[in-house]
Amino acid sequence: MKKLVLVLVLASLVLAVGVPAYAFKCVSLIKQGNDQIAKMDQNSAKAKKAKALVEEADKLHKAGNQADAVKKAEEAPAALR
C-alpha cells in the first residue's frame, strides 16, 4: 500500500513539473517560427506554409493540446528549408 501511494505521489510530481515545461516548449517553438518567418519574403510559398503551421500550433496550444502543438510547431522550420 505504501509503495502504491509513493508511486502515485511521484507520478503526480512528474506531471506537475513536466506538463508546464512541455507547454512552455510550445510557446518557445511558436516564437522561433514566427521570428524565422518574419525574416522571409511573406509572399513566398514556404513562408505561407510555415505560417499556417505555426498558427495551427498556436491554436492547439491554446486548446491545451500541447503534444500536437509541439509537433506542428516543429514542422514549421522544416517547411522553411
PDB file of N, CA and C in Angstrom:
ATOM      1  N   MET A   1       0.819  -1.197   0.000  1.00  0.00           N
ATOM      2  CA  MET A   1       0.000   0.000   0.000  1.00  0.00           C
ATOM      3  C   MET A   1       0.862   1.259   0.000  1.00  0.00           C
ATOM      4  N   LYS A   2       1.925   1.226   0.821  1.00  0.00           N
ATOM      5  CA  LYS A   2       2.808   2.385   0.881  1.00  0.00           C
ATOM      6  C   LYS A   2       3.508   2.605  -0.459  1.00  0.00           C
ATOM      7  N   LYS A   3       3.848   1.511  -1.135  1.00  0.00           N
ATOM      8  CA  LYS A   3       4.508   1.631  -2.440  1.00  0.00           C
ATOM      9  C   LYS A   3       3.582   2.266  -3.459  1.00  0.00           C
ATOM     10  N   LEU A   4       2.320   1.880  -3.427  1.00  0.00           N
ATOM     11  CA  LEU A   4       1.339   2.447  -4.349  1.00  0.00           C
ATOM     12  C   LEU A   4       1.192   3.944  -4.127  1.00  0.00           C
ATOM     13  N   VAL A   5       1.112   4.354  -2.885  1.00  0.00           N
ATOM     14  CA  VAL A   5       0.985   5.776  -2.565  1.00  0.00           C
ATOM     15  C   VAL A   5       2.234   6.526  -3.027  1.00  0.00           C
ATOM     16  N   LEU A   6       3.404   5.940  -2.792  1.00  0.00           N
ATOM     17  CA  LEU A   6       4.652   6.559  -3.216  1.00  0.00           C
ATOM     18  C   LEU A   6       4.695   6.718  -4.740  1.00  0.00           C
ATOM     19  N   VAL A   7       4.286   5.688  -5.460  1.00  0.00           N
ATOM     20  CA  VAL A   7       4.262   5.747  -6.923  1.00  0.00           C
ATOM     21  C   VAL A   7       3.298   6.829  -7.396  1.00  0.00           C
ATOM     22  N   LEU A   8       2.135   6.910  -6.781  1.00  0.00           N
ATOM     23  CA  LEU A   8       1.159   7.925  -7.166  1.00  0.00           C
ATOM     24  C   LEU A   8       1.671   9.339  -6.881  1.00  0.00           C
ATOM     25  N   VAL A   9       2.339   9.518  -5.753  1.00  0.00           N
ATOM     26  CA  VAL A   9       2.892  10.831  -5.421  1.00  0.00           C
ATOM     27  C   VAL A   9       3.990  11.209  -6.418  1.00  0.00           C
ATOM     28  N   LEU A  10       4.868  10.276  -6.721  1.00  0.00           N
ATOM     29  CA  LEU A  10       5.933  10.551  -7.683  1.00  0.00           C
ATOM     30  C   LEU A  10       5.383  10.849  -9.070  1.00  0.00           C
ATOM     31  N   ALA A  11       4.378  10.101  -9.497  1.00  0.00           N
ATOM     32  CA  ALA A  11       3.765  10.336 -10.805  1.00  0.00           C
ATOM     33  C   ALA A  11       3.127  11.728 -10.852  1.00  0.00           C
ATOM     34  N   SER A  12       2.499  12.119  -9.762  1.00  0.00           N
ATOM     35  CA  SER A  12       1.892  13.451  -9.694  1.00  0.00           C
ATOM     36  C   SER A  12       2.941  14.547  -9.787  1.00  0.00           C
ATOM     37  N   LEU A  13       4.066  14.341  -9.121  1.00  0.00           N
ATOM     38  CA  LEU A  13       5.145  15.327  -9.184  1.00  0.00           C
ATOM     39  C   LEU A  13       5.718  15.445 -10.589  1.00  0.00           C
ATOM     40  N   VAL A  14       5.910  14.328 -11.239  1.00  0.00           N
ATOM     41  CA  VAL A  14       6.439  14.341 -12.603  1.00  0.00           C
ATOM     42  C   VAL A  14       5.486  15.100 -13.524  1.00  0.00           C
ATOM     43  N   LEU A  15       4.208  14.838 -13.408  1.00  0.00           N
ATOM     44  CA  LEU A  15       3.224  15.532 -14.240  1.00  0.00           C
ATOM     45  C   LEU A  15       3.164  17.022 -13.907  1.00  0.00           C
ATOM     46  N   ALA A  16       3.250  17.341 -12.629  1.00  0.00           N
ATOM     47  CA  ALA A  16       3.166  18.738 -12.211  1.00  0.00           C
ATOM     48  C   ALA A  16       4.338  19.551 -12.755  1.00  0.00           C
ATOM     49  N   VAL A  17       5.494  18.937 -12.869  1.00  0.00           N
ATOM     50  CA  VAL A  17       6.677  19.633 -13.372  1.00  0.00           C
ATOM     51  C   VAL A  17       6.766  19.522 -14.893  1.00  0.00           C
ATOM     52  N   GLY A  18       6.444  18.370 -15.428  1.00  0.00           N
ATOM     53  CA  GLY A  18       6.626  18.116 -16.857  1.00  0.00           C
ATOM     54  C   GLY A  18       5.644  18.809 -17.761  1.00  0.00           C
ATOM     55  N   VAL A  19       4.398  18.863 -17.410  1.00  0.00           N
ATOM     56  CA  VAL A  19       3.382  19.451 -18.288  1.00  0.00           C
ATOM     57  C   VAL A  19       3.614  20.946 -18.510  1.00  0.00           C
ATOM     58  N   PRO A  20       3.867  21.737 -17.469  1.00  0.00           N
ATOM     59  CA  PRO A  20       4.146  23.159 -17.735  1.00  0.00           C
ATOM     60  C   PRO A  20       5.399  23.359 -18.579  1.00  0.00           C
ATOM     61  N   ALA A  21       6.404  22.550 -18.366  1.00  0.00           N
ATOM     62  CA  ALA A  21       7.618  22.671 -19.166  1.00  0.00           C
ATOM     63  C   ALA A  21       7.322  22.359 -20.622  1.00  0.00           C
ATOM     64  N   TYR A  22       6.508  21.350 -20.871  1.00  0.00           N
ATOM     65  CA  TYR A  22       6.138  20.990 -22.229  1.00  0.00           C
ATOM     66  C   TYR A  22       5.300  22.098 -22.855  1.00  0.00           C
ATOM     67  N   ALA A  23       4.426  22.701 -22.068  1.00  0.00           N
ATOM     68  CA  ALA A  23       3.608  23.809 -22.568  1.00  0.00           C
ATOM     69  C   ALA A  23       4.495  24.996 -22.928  1.00  0.00           C
ATOM     70  N   PHE A  24       5.539  25.238 -22.143  1.00  0.00           N
ATOM     71  CA  PHE A  24       6.457  26.330 -22.444  1.00  0.00           C
ATOM     72  C   PHE A  24       7.211  26.059 -23.738  1.00  0.00           C
ATOM     73  N   LYS A  25       7.467  24.783 -24.015  1.00  0.00           N
ATOM     74  CA  LYS A  25       8.166  24.431 -25.253  1.00  0.00           C
ATOM     75  C   LYS A  25       7.354  24.892 -26.461  1.00  0.00           C
ATOM     76  N   CYS A  26       6.040  24.745 -26.389  1.00  0.00           N
ATOM     77  CA  CYS A  26       5.163  25.193 -27.479  1.00  0.00           C
ATOM     78  C   CYS A  26       5.368  26.681 -27.737  1.00  0.00           C
ATOM     79  N   VAL A  27       5.307  27.452 -26.677  1.00  0.00           N
ATOM     80  CA  VAL A  27       5.422  28.910 -26.798  1.00  0.00           C
ATOM     81  C   VAL A  27       6.770  29.280 -27.415  1.00  0.00           C
ATOM     82  N   SER A  28       7.808  28.623 -26.959  1.00  0.00           N
ATOM     83  CA  SER A  28       9.149  28.888 -27.468  1.00  0.00           C
ATOM     84  C   SER A  28       9.256  28.546 -28.959  1.00  0.00           C
ATOM     85  N   LEU A  29       8.738  27.383 -29.343  1.00  0.00           N
ATOM     86  CA  LEU A  29       8.793  26.971 -30.746  1.00  0.00           C
ATOM     87  C   LEU A  29       7.953  27.883 -31.640  1.00  0.00           C
ATOM     88  N   ILE A  30       6.802  28.295 -31.152  1.00  0.00           N
ATOM     89  CA  ILE A  30       5.933  29.195 -31.915  1.00  0.00           C
ATOM     90  C   ILE A  30       6.637  30.534 -32.124  1.00  0.00           C
ATOM     91  N   LYS A  31       7.279  31.042 -31.079  1.00  0.00           N
ATOM     92  CA  LYS A  31       8.019  32.303 -31.202  1.00  0.00           C
ATOM     93  C   LYS A  31       9.166  32.159 -32.197  1.00  0.00           C
ATOM     94  N   GLN A  32       9.901  31.066 -32.117  1.00  0.00           N
ATOM     95  CA  GLN A  32      11.006  30.844 -33.053  1.00  0.00           C
ATOM     96  C   GLN A  32      10.497  30.794 -34.489  1.00  0.00           C
ATOM     97  N   GLY A  33       9.392  30.090 -34.694  1.00  0.00           N
ATOM     98  CA  GLY A  33       8.815  30.005 -36.035  1.00  0.00           C
ATOM     99  C   GLY A  33       8.412  31.369 -36.557  1.00  0.00           C
ATOM    100  N   ASN A  34       7.740  32.143 -35.723  1.00  0.00           N
ATOM    101  CA  ASN A  34       7.327  33.489 -36.131  1.00  0.00           C
ATOM    102  C   ASN A  34       8.533  34.384 -36.429  1.00  0.00           C
ATOM    103  N   ASP A  35       9.590  34.248 -35.634  1.00  0.00           N
ATOM    104  CA  ASP A  35      10.802  35.038 -35.873  1.00  0.00           C
ATOM    105  C   ASP A  35      11.443  34.670 -37.210  1.00  0.00           C
ATOM    106  N   GLN A  36      11.496  33.382 -37.510  1.00  0.00           N
ATOM    107  CA  GLN A  36      12.077  32.941 -38.785  1.00  0.00           C
ATOM    108  C   GLN A  36      11.231  33.412 -39.965  1.00  0.00           C
ATOM    109  N   ILE A  37       9.926  33.306 -39.827  1.00  0.00           N
ATOM    110  CA  ILE A  37       9.015  33.722 -40.900  1.00  0.00           C
ATOM    111  C   ILE A  37       9.141  35.227 -41.147  1.00  0.00           C
ATOM    112  N   ALA A  38       9.310  36.010 -40.088  1.00  0.00           N
ATOM    113  CA  ALA A  38       9.406  37.468 -40.218  1.00  0.00           C
ATOM    114  C   ALA A  38      10.614  37.892 -41.048  1.00  0.00           C
ATOM    115  N   LYS A  39      11.633  37.059 -41.099  1.00  0.00           N
ATOM    116  CA  LYS A  39      12.849  37.382 -41.844  1.00  0.00           C
ATOM    117  C   LYS A  39      12.743  37.003 -43.316  1.00  0.00           C
ATOM    118  N   MET A  40      11.639  36.402 -43.704  1.00  0.00           N
ATOM    119  CA  MET A  40      11.484  35.905 -45.073  1.00  0.00           C
ATOM    120  C   MET A  40      10.518  36.775 -45.868  1.00  0.00           C
ATOM    121  N   ASP A  41      10.494  36.540 -47.169  1.00  0.00           N
ATOM    122  CA  ASP A  41       9.502  37.162 -48.039  1.00  0.00           C
ATOM    123  C   ASP A  41       8.137  36.584 -47.654  1.00  0.00           C
ATOM    124  N   GLN A  42       7.233  37.422 -47.188  1.00  0.00           N
ATOM    125  CA  GLN A  42       5.934  36.973 -46.690  1.00  0.00           C
ATOM    126  C   GLN A  42       5.040  36.375 -47.773  1.00  0.00           C
ATOM    127  N   ASN A  43       5.371  36.621 -49.032  1.00  0.00           N
ATOM    128  CA  ASN A  43       4.569  36.097 -50.129  1.00  0.00           C
ATOM    129  C   ASN A  43       5.076  34.762 -50.663  1.00  0.00           C
ATOM    130  N   SER A  44       6.202  34.289 -50.136  1.00  0.00           N
ATOM    131  CA  SER A  44       6.738  33.017 -50.625  1.00  0.00           C
ATOM    132  C   SER A  44       5.880  31.857 -50.139  1.00  0.00           C
ATOM    133  N   ALA A  45       5.843  30.809 -50.932  1.00  0.00           N
ATOM    134  CA  ALA A  45       5.047  29.634 -50.579  1.00  0.00           C
ATOM    135  C   ALA A  45       5.548  28.995 -49.286  1.00  0.00           C
ATOM    136  N   LYS A  46       6.865  28.991 -49.096  1.00  0.00           N
ATOM    137  CA  LYS A  46       7.435  28.399 -47.880  1.00  0.00           C
ATOM    138  C   LYS A  46       6.997  29.167 -46.636  1.00  0.00           C
ATOM    139  N   ALA A  47       7.040  30.490 -46.718  1.00  0.00           N
ATOM    140  CA  ALA A  47       6.650  31.316 -45.571  1.00  0.00           C
ATOM    141  C   ALA A  47       5.168  31.137 -45.257  1.00  0.00           C
ATOM    142  N   LYS A  48       4.346  31.063 -46.285  1.00  0.00           N
ATOM    143  CA  LYS A  48       2.907  30.882 -46.070  1.00  0.00           C
ATOM    144  C   LYS A  48       2.610  29.534 -45.419  1.00  0.00           C
ATOM    145  N   LYS A  49       3.297  28.476 -45.884  1.00  0.00           N
ATOM    146  CA  LYS A  49       3.078  27.146 -45.303  1.00  0.00           C
ATOM    147  C   LYS A  49       3.540  27.119 -43.846  1.00  0.00           C
ATOM    148  N   ALA A  50       4.719  27.691 -43.585  1.00  0.00           N
ATOM    149  CA  ALA A  50       5.238  27.716 -42.215  1.00  0.00           C
ATOM    150  C   ALA A  50       4.320  28.535 -41.309  1.00  0.00           C
ATOM    151  N   LYS A  51       3.811  29.644 -41.827  1.00  0.00           N
ATOM    152  CA  LYS A  51       2.907  30.483 -41.033  1.00  0.00           C
ATOM    153  C   LYS A  51       1.631  29.725 -40.675  1.00  0.00           C
ATOM    154  N   ALA A  52       1.103  28.964 -41.610  1.00  0.00           N
ATOM    155  CA  ALA A  52      -0.098  28.168 -41.344  1.00  0.00           C
ATOM    156  C   ALA A  52       0.187  27.113 -40.267  1.00  0.00           C
ATOM    157  N   LEU A  53       1.363  26.501 -40.320  1.00  0.00           N
ATOM    158  CA  LEU A  53       1.732  25.505 -39.312  1.00  0.00           C
ATOM    159  C   LEU A  53       1.873  26.138 -37.927  1.00  0.00           C
ATOM    160  N   VAL A  54       2.484  27.303 -37.878  1.00  0.00           N
ATOM    161  CA  VAL A  54       2.655  28.000 -36.601  1.00  0.00           C
ATOM    162  C   VAL A  54       1.297  28.425 -36.039  1.00  0.00           C
ATOM    163  N   GLU A  55       0.420  28.904 -36.898  1.00  0.00           N
ATOM    164  CA  GLU A  55      -0.920  29.304 -36.445  1.00  0.00           C
ATOM    165  C   GLU A  55      -1.685  28.101 -35.906  1.00  0.00           C
ATOM    166  N   GLU A  56      -1.564  26.965 -36.580  1.00  0.00           N
ATOM    167  CA  GLU A  56      -2.221  25.740 -36.108  1.00  0.00           C
ATOM    168  C   GLU A  56      -1.630  25.308 -34.766  1.00  0.00           C
ATOM    169  N   ALA A  57      -0.318  25.409 -34.626  1.00  0.00           N
ATOM    170  CA  ALA A  57       0.341  25.063 -33.365  1.00  0.00           C
ATOM    171  C   ALA A  57      -0.167  25.966 -32.241  1.00  0.00           C
ATOM    172  N   ASP A  58      -0.333  27.243 -32.531  1.00  0.00           N
ATOM    173  CA  ASP A  58      -0.820  28.179 -31.526  1.00  0.00           C
ATOM    174  C   ASP A  58      -2.255  27.835 -31.108  1.00  0.00           C
ATOM    175  N   LYS A  59      -3.090  27.490 -32.059  1.00  0.00           N
ATOM    176  CA  LYS A  59      -4.471  27.094 -31.742  1.00  0.00           C
ATOM    177  C   LYS A  59      -4.490  25.841 -30.870  1.00  0.00           C
ATOM    178  N   LEU A  60      -3.663  24.867 -31.220  1.00  0.00           N
ATOM    179  CA  LEU A  60      -3.588  23.633 -30.435  1.00  0.00           C
ATOM    180  C   LEU A  60      -3.087  23.924 -29.025  1.00  0.00           C
ATOM    181  N   HIS A  61      -2.095  24.791 -28.920  1.00  0.00           N
ATOM    182  CA  HIS A  61      -1.549  25.163 -27.612  1.00  0.00           C
ATOM    183  C   HIS A  61      -2.632  25.804 -26.749  1.00  0.00           C
ATOM    184  N   LYS A  62      -3.358  26.742 -27.336  1.00  0.00           N
ATOM    185  CA  LYS A  62      -4.405  27.441 -26.582  1.00  0.00           C
ATOM    186  C   LYS A  62      -5.546  26.505 -26.185  1.00  0.00           C
ATOM    187  N   ALA A  63      -5.739  25.444 -26.973  1.00  0.00           N
ATOM    188  CA  ALA A  63      -6.773  24.458 -26.662  1.00  0.00           C
ATOM    189  C   ALA A  63      -6.286  23.432 -25.628  1.00  0.00           C
ATOM    190  N   GLY A  64      -5.002  23.519 -25.256  1.00  0.00           N
ATOM    191  CA  GLY A  64      -4.471  22.618 -24.248  1.00  0.00           C
ATOM    192  C   GLY A  64      -3.875  21.336 -24.797  1.00  0.00           C
ATOM    193  N   ASN A  65      -3.765  21.239 -26.098  1.00  0.00           N
ATOM    194  CA  ASN A  65      -3.225  20.036 -26.731  1.00  0.00           C
ATOM    195  C   ASN A  65      -1.734  20.259 -27.005  1.00  0.00           C
ATOM    196  N   GLN A  66      -0.934  20.145 -25.947  1.00  0.00           N
ATOM    197  CA  GLN A  66       0.478  20.509 -26.032  1.00  0.00           C
ATOM    198  C   GLN A  66       1.283  19.601 -26.952  1.00  0.00           C
ATOM    199  N   ALA A  67       1.044  18.305 -26.890  1.00  0.00           N
ATOM    200  CA  ALA A  67       1.837  17.371 -27.700  1.00  0.00           C
ATOM    201  C   ALA A  67       1.669  17.653 -29.193  1.00  0.00           C
ATOM    202  N   ASP A  68       0.433  17.829 -29.640  1.00  0.00           N
ATOM    203  CA  ASP A  68       0.198  18.113 -31.057  1.00  0.00           C
ATOM    204  C   ASP A  68       0.699  19.506 -31.429  1.00  0.00           C
ATOM    205  N   ALA A  69       0.620  20.444 -30.495  1.00  0.00           N
ATOM    206  CA  ALA A  69       1.119  21.794 -30.759  1.00  0.00           C
ATOM    207  C   ALA A  69       2.628  21.769 -30.991  1.00  0.00           C
ATOM    208  N   VAL A  70       3.337  20.993 -30.201  1.00  0.00           N
ATOM    209  CA  VAL A  70       4.790  20.888 -30.375  1.00  0.00           C
ATOM    210  C   VAL A  70       5.100  20.267 -31.728  1.00  0.00           C
ATOM    211  N   LYS A  71       4.367  19.228 -32.102  1.00  0.00           N
ATOM    212  CA  LYS A  71       4.605  18.574 -33.395  1.00  0.00           C
ATOM    213  C   LYS A  71       4.417  19.558 -34.548  1.00  0.00           C
ATOM    214  N   LYS A  72       3.324  20.308 -34.506  1.00  0.00           N
ATOM    215  CA  LYS A  72       3.058  21.287 -35.570  1.00  0.00           C
ATOM    216  C   LYS A  72       4.117  22.385 -35.580  1.00  0.00           C
ATOM    217  N   ALA A  73       4.486  22.865 -34.407  1.00  0.00           N
ATOM    218  CA  ALA A  73       5.479  23.934 -34.331  1.00  0.00           C
ATOM    219  C   ALA A  73       6.843  23.461 -34.824  1.00  0.00           C
ATOM    220  N   GLU A  74       7.149  22.194 -34.616  1.00  0.00           N
ATOM    221  CA  GLU A  74       8.424  21.652 -35.093  1.00  0.00           C
ATOM    222  C   GLU A  74       8.427  21.439 -36.606  1.00  0.00           C
ATOM    223  N   GLU A  75       7.257  21.345 -37.215  1.00  0.00           N
ATOM    224  CA  GLU A  75       7.160  21.183 -38.667  1.00  0.00           C
ATOM    225  C   GLU A  75       7.459  22.501 -39.408  1.00  0.00           C
ATOM    226  N   ALA A  76       7.210  23.627 -38.750  1.00  0.00           N
ATOM    227  CA  ALA A  76       7.367  24.928 -39.405  1.00  0.00           C
ATOM    228  C   ALA A  76       8.786  25.179 -39.920  1.00  0.00           C
ATOM    229  N   PRO A  77       9.828  24.999 -39.095  1.00  0.00           N
ATOM    230  CA  PRO A  77      11.183  25.243 -39.628  1.00  0.00           C
ATOM    231  C   PRO A  77      11.524  24.322 -40.800  1.00  0.00           C
ATOM    232  N   ALA A  78      11.009  23.100 -40.759  1.00  0.00           N
ATOM    233  CA  ALA A  78      11.264  22.161 -41.869  1.00  0.00           C
ATOM    234  C   ALA A  78      10.611  22.683 -43.152  1.00  0.00           C
ATOM    235  N   ALA A  79       9.480  23.337 -43.032  1.00  0.00           N
ATOM    236  CA  ALA A  79       8.779  23.876 -44.201  1.00  0.00           C
ATOM    237  C   ALA A  79       9.543  25.053 -44.807  1.00  0.00           C
ATOM    238  N   LEU A  80      10.390  25.675 -44.016  1.00  0.00           N
ATOM    239  CA  LEU A  80      11.151  26.840 -44.495  1.00  0.00           C
ATOM    240  C   LEU A  80      12.407  26.458 -45.257  1.00  0.00           C
ATOM    241  N   ARG A  81      12.781  25.200 -45.216  1.00  0.00           N
ATOM    242  CA  ARG A  81      14.008  24.774 -45.903  1.00  0.00           C
ATOM    243  C   ARG A  81      13.789  24.610 -47.375  1.00  0.00           C
TER     244      ARG A  81
END
